[in-house]
Amino acid sequence: MGPFEIAAIAIIGAFSVSAYKEYNKRKGSVDSSEVDELKAELVKLQGRVATLESLVTDKSYQLSEQIDNL
C-alpha cells in the first residue's frame, strides 16, 4: 500500500467519523415544543389514572363488584 492510498483511507475515515458524530448530534436533538406537548399529555394522563384509582379503591365499587361476583 502506497502513501496515497493510506492518505485516502485516513481522509475517508475522518469524514466518516465526522458524519457519524453529526448524525448522532442531530438525532439526539428534540424540538422543545414536542417535549412540552408530551409533558402536558403526561400530566393529563396522570390525572386520569389518579381518577381511575380513586374509583376502583372506593368501598362502594368494591362492594358492587363482590355482589356482582355472587
N, C-alpha and C. Protein backbone atom coordinates (compact mmCIF):
# COMPACT_ATOMS: atom_id res chain seq x y z
N MET A 1 0.85 -1.18 0.00
CA MET A 1 0.00 0.00 0.00
C MET A 1 0.89 1.24 0.00
N GLY A 2 0.59 2.14 -0.88
CA GLY A 2 1.40 3.33 -1.02
C GLY A 2 0.92 4.45 -0.11
N PRO A 3 1.66 5.53 -0.06
CA PRO A 3 1.31 6.65 0.83
C PRO A 3 0.01 7.35 0.41
N PHE A 4 -0.29 7.35 -0.89
CA PHE A 4 -1.52 7.99 -1.35
C PHE A 4 -2.75 7.19 -0.91
N GLU A 5 -2.63 5.88 -0.94
CA GLU A 5 -3.75 5.03 -0.51
C GLU A 5 -3.99 5.19 1.00
N ILE A 6 -2.91 5.25 1.76
CA ILE A 6 -3.04 5.43 3.21
C ILE A 6 -3.67 6.80 3.52
N ALA A 7 -3.23 7.83 2.79
CA ALA A 7 -3.80 9.16 2.99
C ALA A 7 -5.28 9.18 2.62
N ALA A 8 -5.65 8.50 1.53
CA ALA A 8 -7.05 8.45 1.12
C ALA A 8 -7.90 7.74 2.17
N ILE A 9 -7.40 6.64 2.70
CA ILE A 9 -8.13 5.91 3.74
C ILE A 9 -8.28 6.78 4.99
N ALA A 10 -7.24 7.50 5.37
CA ALA A 10 -7.30 8.37 6.54
C ALA A 10 -8.32 9.49 6.34
N ILE A 11 -8.35 10.08 5.16
CA ILE A 11 -9.29 11.16 4.88
C ILE A 11 -10.72 10.64 4.88
N ILE A 12 -10.94 9.49 4.24
CA ILE A 12 -12.28 8.90 4.23
C ILE A 12 -12.72 8.54 5.64
N GLY A 13 -11.80 8.00 6.42
CA GLY A 13 -12.12 7.66 7.81
C GLY A 13 -12.48 8.89 8.63
N ALA A 14 -11.75 9.98 8.44
CA ALA A 14 -12.03 11.21 9.18
C ALA A 14 -13.40 11.77 8.81
N PHE A 15 -13.73 11.75 7.50
CA PHE A 15 -15.05 12.21 7.08
C PHE A 15 -16.16 11.30 7.63
N SER A 16 -15.90 10.01 7.68
CA SER A 16 -16.89 9.07 8.21
C SER A 16 -17.16 9.32 9.69
N VAL A 17 -16.11 9.53 10.45
CA VAL A 17 -16.27 9.80 11.88
C VAL A 17 -17.00 11.12 12.09
N SER A 18 -16.65 12.12 11.32
CA SER A 18 -17.30 13.42 11.42
C SER A 18 -18.79 13.32 11.08
N ALA A 19 -19.10 12.59 10.01
CA ALA A 19 -20.50 12.42 9.62
C ALA A 19 -21.27 11.64 10.68
N TYR A 20 -20.66 10.64 11.27
CA TYR A 20 -21.31 9.85 12.33
C TYR A 20 -21.60 10.70 13.56
N LYS A 21 -20.64 11.53 13.95
CA LYS A 21 -20.85 12.42 15.09
C LYS A 21 -21.97 13.41 14.83
N GLU A 22 -22.02 13.97 13.64
CA GLU A 22 -23.07 14.92 13.27
C GLU A 22 -24.44 14.23 13.27
N TYR A 23 -24.49 13.01 12.76
CA TYR A 23 -25.73 12.25 12.75
C TYR A 23 -26.24 12.02 14.17
N ASN A 24 -25.36 11.62 15.07
CA ASN A 24 -25.77 11.39 16.46
C ASN A 24 -26.21 12.68 17.13
N LYS A 25 -25.55 13.79 16.82
CA LYS A 25 -25.92 15.06 17.43
C LYS A 25 -27.31 15.49 16.96
N ARG A 26 -27.59 15.35 15.70
CA ARG A 26 -28.91 15.73 15.16
C ARG A 26 -29.99 14.76 15.61
N LYS A 27 -29.67 13.52 15.74
CA LYS A 27 -30.63 12.51 16.19
C LYS A 27 -31.03 12.76 17.64
N GLY A 28 -30.10 13.22 18.45
CA GLY A 28 -30.36 13.46 19.86
C GLY A 28 -31.12 14.73 20.14
N SER A 29 -31.11 15.68 19.23
CA SER A 29 -31.80 16.94 19.48
C SER A 29 -33.29 16.76 19.20
N VAL A 30 -34.11 17.28 20.11
CA VAL A 30 -35.56 17.15 20.00
C VAL A 30 -36.16 18.54 20.06
N ASP A 31 -37.22 18.73 19.32
CA ASP A 31 -37.91 20.01 19.30
C ASP A 31 -38.54 20.26 20.68
N SER A 32 -38.31 21.43 21.26
CA SER A 32 -38.80 21.71 22.61
C SER A 32 -40.32 21.79 22.65
N SER A 33 -40.96 22.20 21.56
CA SER A 33 -42.42 22.25 21.56
C SER A 33 -43.00 20.84 21.63
N GLU A 34 -42.34 19.89 21.00
CA GLU A 34 -42.79 18.49 21.07
C GLU A 34 -42.66 17.96 22.50
N VAL A 35 -41.58 18.32 23.16
CA VAL A 35 -41.37 17.90 24.55
C VAL A 35 -42.44 18.51 25.45
N ASP A 36 -42.77 19.79 25.23
CA ASP A 36 -43.80 20.44 26.04
C ASP A 36 -45.16 19.79 25.83
N GLU A 37 -45.48 19.42 24.58
CA GLU A 37 -46.74 18.74 24.30
C GLU A 37 -46.80 17.39 25.01
N LEU A 38 -45.70 16.66 24.99
CA LEU A 38 -45.67 15.36 25.65
C LEU A 38 -45.79 15.48 27.16
N LYS A 39 -45.18 16.53 27.72
CA LYS A 39 -45.30 16.75 29.16
C LYS A 39 -46.73 17.08 29.54
N ALA A 40 -47.41 17.89 28.73
CA ALA A 40 -48.80 18.24 29.01
C ALA A 40 -49.68 17.00 28.92
N GLU A 41 -49.44 16.17 27.93
CA GLU A 41 -50.21 14.93 27.80
C GLU A 41 -49.96 14.00 28.97
N LEU A 42 -48.73 13.95 29.43
CA LEU A 42 -48.39 13.12 30.58
C LEU A 42 -49.14 13.57 31.82
N VAL A 43 -49.21 14.88 32.04
CA VAL A 43 -49.92 15.41 33.20
C VAL A 43 -51.40 15.03 33.13
N LYS A 44 -52.00 15.14 31.93
CA LYS A 44 -53.41 14.77 31.77
C LYS A 44 -53.63 13.29 32.05
N LEU A 45 -52.73 12.46 31.54
CA LEU A 45 -52.86 11.02 31.75
C LEU A 45 -52.68 10.64 33.22
N GLN A 46 -51.78 11.32 33.91
CA GLN A 46 -51.59 11.05 35.33
C GLN A 46 -52.86 11.40 36.11
N GLY A 47 -53.51 12.49 35.73
CA GLY A 47 -54.77 12.86 36.37
C GLY A 47 -55.85 11.82 36.13
N ARG A 48 -55.91 11.31 34.90
CA ARG A 48 -56.91 10.29 34.59
C ARG A 48 -56.65 9.01 35.36
N VAL A 49 -55.39 8.61 35.49
CA VAL A 49 -55.06 7.41 36.24
C VAL A 49 -55.41 7.59 37.72
N ALA A 50 -55.15 8.76 38.25
CA ALA A 50 -55.49 9.02 39.65
C ALA A 50 -57.00 8.92 39.86
N THR A 51 -57.78 9.43 38.90
CA THR A 51 -59.24 9.34 39.00
C THR A 51 -59.69 7.89 38.95
N LEU A 52 -59.12 7.11 38.05
CA LEU A 52 -59.49 5.70 37.97
C LEU A 52 -59.09 4.94 39.23
N GLU A 53 -57.93 5.25 39.79
CA GLU A 53 -57.52 4.60 41.03
C GLU A 53 -58.48 4.92 42.16
N SER A 54 -58.93 6.17 42.23
CA SER A 54 -59.86 6.52 43.30
C SER A 54 -61.20 5.83 43.12
N LEU A 55 -61.64 5.63 41.88
CA LEU A 55 -62.89 4.92 41.64
C LEU A 55 -62.79 3.45 42.02
N VAL A 56 -61.69 2.82 41.63
CA VAL A 56 -61.54 1.39 41.88
C VAL A 56 -61.33 1.10 43.36
N THR A 57 -60.68 1.98 44.08
CA THR A 57 -60.43 1.74 45.50
C THR A 57 -61.61 2.20 46.37
N ASP A 58 -62.63 2.76 45.76
CA ASP A 58 -63.81 3.21 46.51
C ASP A 58 -64.53 1.99 47.08
N LYS A 59 -64.99 2.09 48.32
CA LYS A 59 -65.66 0.98 49.01
C LYS A 59 -66.93 0.56 48.28
N SER A 60 -67.72 1.49 47.78
CA SER A 60 -68.96 1.13 47.12
C SER A 60 -68.70 0.37 45.82
N TYR A 61 -67.62 0.71 45.12
CA TYR A 61 -67.27 -0.01 43.89
C TYR A 61 -66.89 -1.44 44.23
N GLN A 62 -66.09 -1.61 45.26
CA GLN A 62 -65.67 -2.95 45.66
C GLN A 62 -66.87 -3.78 46.11
N LEU A 63 -67.79 -3.17 46.84
CA LEU A 63 -68.98 -3.88 47.30
C LEU A 63 -69.84 -4.31 46.12
N SER A 64 -70.03 -3.43 45.15
CA SER A 64 -70.85 -3.80 43.99
C SER A 64 -70.16 -4.89 43.17
N GLU A 65 -68.85 -4.90 43.10
CA GLU A 65 -68.12 -5.95 42.42
C GLU A 65 -68.31 -7.29 43.13
N GLN A 66 -68.26 -7.27 44.44
CA GLN A 66 -68.44 -8.51 45.20
C GLN A 66 -69.87 -9.03 45.02
N ILE A 67 -70.84 -8.14 45.00
CA ILE A 67 -72.24 -8.55 44.79
C ILE A 67 -72.40 -9.12 43.38
N ASP A 68 -71.79 -8.50 42.39
CA ASP A 68 -71.89 -8.99 41.03
C ASP A 68 -71.23 -10.36 40.88
N ASN A 69 -70.17 -10.59 41.62
CA ASN A 69 -69.48 -11.87 41.53
C ASN A 69 -70.29 -12.99 42.16
N LEU A 70 -71.18 -12.66 43.08
CA LEU A 70 -72.03 -13.68 43.70
C LEU A 70 -73.08 -14.07 42.71
